[in-house]
């Protein structure tokens, strides 16, 4: 079944409106959640976690993002169908065939999840990056990925996994994904705990999984992104 949703980027986060309310599209989350414990996706009603995500309420997530969040659409539901993200034209199409002109290639999965891992060239270095549309900024685990880049103002961020994070500096880093040259604003992944559910800070956590970086959704308005979790392939096209 092909379903098309209005997709919008709000405060550096991707959302769609579902019958249950405003849903955060989060490819970095293994599980979905809503305020009611139900979520309508592709015209089917699914039972999901109720009330929040990883111990954090939707009130807390809404306050951190600066926009009302009623649900979180994670990879347990997103991985059930094909997805075409077209942020520039504000559409998310689920369940359709890959459009003409796209050239698909395989992607990896983060351990014990359906979360996508892409192979990219990041500031000239090969890297395995986790694609997290629930993240408003990117993070790198190695200094080499920002060496030679102009330091910019830092940022504050929040993650249910890693808690509150305050980055003293950020960088705009170039990365090449599937032949397309793109940009992402990143900070160096914290090496100290921030009060999230993880007992390990972000940087050593990612390193233990052999993940070099996280990229969010801010680069997506420049391209269209095709994801087929059913055969673990993706494609990027202008």
Protein backbone atom coordinates (compact mmCIF):
# COMPACT_ATOMS: atom_id res chain seq x y z
CA UNK A 1 0.00 0.00 0.00
CA UNK A 2 1.39 3.38 -1.05
CA UNK A 3 0.84 6.18 1.48
CA UNK A 4 2.09 9.74 1.11
CA UNK A 5 2.58 11.94 4.15
CA UNK A 6 3.29 15.64 4.49
CA UNK A 7 6.89 15.80 5.71
CA UNK A 8 8.33 18.90 7.30
CA UNK A 9 11.56 20.01 8.92
CA UNK A 10 10.84 21.91 12.14
CA UNK A 11 13.60 23.08 14.50
CA UNK A 12 16.07 20.76 12.74
CA UNK A 13 13.79 17.71 13.21
CA UNK A 14 11.64 15.78 10.72
CA UNK A 15 7.92 15.37 11.41
CA UNK A 16 4.75 13.96 9.86
CA UNK A 17 1.21 14.44 11.09
CA UNK A 18 -0.59 11.20 11.96
CA UNK A 19 -4.07 10.70 13.45
CA UNK A 20 -2.41 10.54 16.89
CA UNK A 21 -0.74 13.92 16.39
CA UNK A 22 2.67 15.23 15.37
CA UNK A 23 5.13 12.36 15.00
CA UNK A 24 8.92 12.69 15.03
CA UNK A 25 10.49 10.62 12.25
CA UNK A 26 13.43 8.99 14.01
CA UNK A 27 15.61 6.58 12.05
CA UNK A 28 17.92 6.51 15.06
CA UNK A 29 15.25 5.05 17.35
CA UNK A 30 14.72 1.27 17.37
CA UNK A 31 11.16 1.54 18.74
CA UNK A 32 8.11 3.75 18.22
CA UNK A 33 6.09 5.44 20.94
CA UNK A 34 3.06 7.68 21.37
CA UNK A 35 1.08 9.42 24.09
CA UNK A 36 -1.75 6.88 23.66
CA UNK A 37 0.19 3.64 23.13
CA UNK A 38 -1.20 3.36 19.60
CA UNK A 39 0.12 4.68 16.30
CA UNK A 40 -1.46 4.72 12.83
CA UNK A 41 1.11 4.06 10.12
CA UNK A 42 0.31 3.06 6.53
CA UNK A 43 -3.39 2.97 7.39
CA UNK A 44 -2.83 0.34 10.07
CA UNK A 45 -3.09 0.84 13.82
CA UNK A 46 -0.11 -0.47 15.78
CA UNK A 47 0.48 -0.96 19.47
CA UNK A 48 3.61 0.96 20.57
CA UNK A 49 5.31 2.13 23.74
CA UNK A 50 3.13 4.59 25.65
CA UNK A 51 3.94 7.96 27.08
CA UNK A 52 7.48 8.65 26.01
CA UNK A 53 10.80 7.24 24.87
CA UNK A 54 13.64 5.71 26.89
CA UNK A 55 12.15 7.00 30.14
CA UNK A 56 11.63 10.55 28.90
CA UNK A 57 8.09 11.91 28.53
CA UNK A 58 6.84 13.61 25.40
CA UNK A 59 6.55 16.82 27.45
CA UNK A 60 10.31 16.65 28.00
CA UNK A 61 11.00 15.86 24.33
CA UNK A 62 8.67 18.68 23.22
CA UNK A 63 10.43 21.15 25.51
CA UNK A 64 13.87 20.12 24.27
CA UNK A 65 12.90 20.29 20.58
CA UNK A 66 10.84 23.45 20.98
CA UNK A 67 7.80 21.96 19.23
CA UNK A 68 4.90 19.79 20.29
CA UNK A 69 5.70 16.08 19.90
CA UNK A 70 2.88 13.55 20.30
CA UNK A 71 4.57 10.44 18.93
CA UNK A 72 7.86 9.01 17.77
CA UNK A 73 8.01 6.88 14.63
CA UNK A 74 11.00 4.57 14.98
CA UNK A 75 12.58 1.87 12.88
CA UNK A 76 10.33 -0.93 14.17
CA UNK A 77 7.56 0.59 12.01
CA UNK A 78 9.65 2.45 9.43
CA UNK A 79 11.51 -0.77 8.52
CA UNK A 80 8.29 -2.49 7.44
CA UNK A 81 8.14 -0.69 4.09
CA UNK A 82 10.05 1.34 1.52
CA UNK A 83 10.52 5.05 2.19
CA UNK A 84 11.16 8.04 -0.08
CA UNK A 85 12.15 11.21 1.78
CA UNK A 86 11.66 14.39 -0.25
CA UNK A 87 12.12 17.17 2.29
CA UNK A 88 12.31 19.92 -0.36
CA UNK A 89 8.84 19.00 -1.62
CA UNK A 90 7.61 18.10 1.87
CA UNK A 91 6.60 14.51 1.19
CA UNK A 92 7.36 11.11 2.67
CA UNK A 93 6.14 8.28 0.46
CA UNK A 94 5.87 4.84 2.03
CA UNK A 95 5.32 1.57 0.19
CA UNK A 96 6.17 2.59 -3.37
CA UNK A 97 8.73 1.31 -5.91
CA UNK A 98 12.12 3.00 -6.24
CA UNK A 99 11.79 5.96 -8.63
CA UNK A 100 13.57 6.00 -11.98
CA UNK A 101 17.00 7.60 -11.92
CA UNK A 102 17.96 6.26 -8.49
CA UNK A 103 20.85 3.81 -8.14
CA UNK A 104 20.56 1.68 -5.04
CA UNK A 105 23.38 0.27 -2.93
CA UNK A 106 23.46 -1.73 0.29
CA UNK A 107 23.68 -0.30 3.77
CA UNK A 108 24.56 -1.82 7.11
CA UNK A 109 22.59 -1.97 10.35
CA UNK A 110 23.63 -0.83 13.79
CA UNK A 111 24.03 -3.89 16.05
CA UNK A 112 20.78 -5.52 17.21
CA UNK A 113 18.57 -2.95 15.44
CA UNK A 114 17.15 -1.78 12.10
CA UNK A 115 18.97 1.58 12.37
CA UNK A 116 20.80 2.40 9.09
CA UNK A 117 24.57 2.76 8.88
CA UNK A 118 26.01 4.40 5.75
CA UNK A 119 29.54 4.34 4.40
CA UNK A 120 30.60 7.91 3.60
CA UNK A 121 33.69 10.01 3.05
CA UNK A 122 33.73 12.48 5.96
CA UNK A 123 36.13 15.43 5.66
CA UNK A 124 38.19 13.25 3.32
CA UNK A 125 38.22 10.17 5.57
CA UNK A 126 36.20 6.96 5.09
CA UNK A 127 33.64 6.63 7.86
CA UNK A 128 30.75 4.49 9.05
CA UNK A 129 27.96 6.87 10.05
CA UNK A 130 24.67 6.24 11.80
CA UNK A 131 21.75 7.99 10.10
CA UNK A 132 19.62 9.51 12.85
CA UNK A 133 16.80 11.76 11.66
CA UNK A 134 15.92 12.27 15.33
CA UNK A 135 19.19 14.13 15.89
CA UNK A 136 19.30 17.86 15.23
CA UNK A 137 23.10 17.89 14.87
CA UNK A 138 25.78 15.47 13.78
CA UNK A 139 28.54 14.07 15.97
CA UNK A 140 32.00 12.75 15.18
CA UNK A 141 34.10 10.45 17.35
CA UNK A 142 37.52 11.32 15.92
CA UNK A 143 39.36 14.62 15.79
CA UNK A 144 40.52 13.84 12.25
CA UNK A 145 36.98 14.36 10.97
CA UNK A 146 37.10 18.08 11.88
CA UNK A 147 40.83 18.77 11.45
CA UNK A 148 41.37 21.85 9.28
CA UNK A 149 37.78 23.06 9.60
CA UNK A 150 36.84 26.49 10.96
CA UNK A 151 35.53 26.27 14.55
CA UNK A 152 32.05 27.75 14.89
CA UNK A 153 29.83 28.49 17.87
CA UNK A 154 28.90 25.43 19.88
CA UNK A 155 25.41 24.18 20.64
CA UNK A 156 23.28 22.56 23.31
CA UNK A 157 21.53 19.29 22.54
CA UNK A 158 19.50 16.60 24.24
CA UNK A 159 19.27 12.87 23.64
CA UNK A 160 17.20 10.38 25.66
CA UNK A 161 20.14 8.03 25.25
CA UNK A 162 22.91 10.41 26.34
CA UNK A 163 21.07 13.20 28.15
CA UNK A 164 21.93 16.90 28.04
CA UNK A 165 24.99 17.82 25.99
CA UNK A 166 26.73 21.17 25.66
CA UNK A 167 29.28 21.37 22.85
CA UNK A 168 31.82 24.23 23.08
CA UNK A 169 32.45 24.26 19.32
CA UNK A 170 30.83 23.02 16.14
CA UNK A 171 31.98 22.59 12.56
CA UNK A 172 30.40 22.38 9.13
CA UNK A 173 31.85 19.20 7.69
CA UNK A 174 31.58 17.96 4.11
CA UNK A 175 30.67 14.37 3.48
CA UNK A 176 30.12 12.32 0.34
CA UNK A 177 27.20 9.91 0.41
CA UNK A 178 26.38 7.75 -2.61
CA UNK A 179 28.30 10.13 -4.87
CA UNK A 180 26.65 13.30 -3.57
CA UNK A 181 28.62 16.02 -1.78
CA UNK A 182 26.70 17.24 1.27
CA UNK A 183 27.23 19.29 4.44
CA UNK A 184 26.39 18.64 8.08
CA UNK A 185 26.91 20.69 11.24
CA UNK A 186 28.68 18.51 13.79
CA UNK A 187 30.26 18.57 17.21
CA UNK A 188 32.75 16.20 18.77
CA UNK A 189 30.85 13.43 20.55
CA UNK A 190 30.98 13.94 24.33
CA UNK A 191 33.19 11.74 26.46
CA UNK A 192 31.35 12.58 29.68
CA UNK A 193 27.95 11.45 30.92
CA UNK A 194 24.99 13.80 30.40
CA UNK A 195 22.21 12.12 32.37
CA UNK A 196 20.67 9.88 29.71
CA UNK A 197 19.82 6.21 30.02
CA UNK A 198 23.18 5.05 28.67
CA UNK A 199 25.76 4.23 31.37
CA UNK A 200 28.46 5.07 28.81
CA UNK A 201 29.04 8.51 27.21
CA UNK A 202 28.36 8.99 23.50
CA UNK A 203 31.94 8.88 22.19
CA UNK A 204 33.05 5.56 23.75
CA UNK A 205 29.59 4.09 23.09
CA UNK A 206 29.85 4.79 19.36
CA UNK A 207 33.48 3.69 19.19
CA UNK A 208 32.59 0.35 20.80
CA UNK A 209 30.14 -0.22 17.93
CA UNK A 210 32.72 0.84 15.31
CA UNK A 211 30.59 3.88 14.41
CA UNK A 212 32.58 6.97 13.41
CA UNK A 213 29.83 9.56 13.37
CA UNK A 214 26.13 10.39 13.51
CA UNK A 215 24.43 12.44 10.81
CA UNK A 216 21.04 14.06 11.30
CA UNK A 217 18.45 15.31 8.77
CA UNK A 218 19.68 18.87 8.08
CA UNK A 219 21.36 17.89 4.77
CA UNK A 220 18.25 16.17 3.42
CA UNK A 221 16.52 19.18 1.78
CA UNK A 222 19.28 19.13 -0.87
CA UNK A 223 18.50 15.60 -2.11
CA UNK A 224 15.92 12.85 -2.16
CA UNK A 225 16.67 9.77 -0.08
CA UNK A 226 15.31 6.32 -0.88
CA UNK A 227 15.43 3.63 1.80
CA UNK A 228 14.38 0.03 1.34
CA UNK A 229 14.74 -1.74 4.70
CA UNK A 230 13.17 -4.86 3.16
CA UNK A 231 16.35 -5.59 1.18
CA UNK A 232 18.64 -3.19 3.09
CA UNK A 233 19.39 -0.83 0.20
CA UNK A 234 19.28 2.94 -0.21
CA UNK A 235 19.79 5.56 -2.90
CA UNK A 236 20.28 9.31 -3.09
CA UNK A 237 19.25 11.53 -6.02
CA UNK A 238 18.79 15.21 -6.72
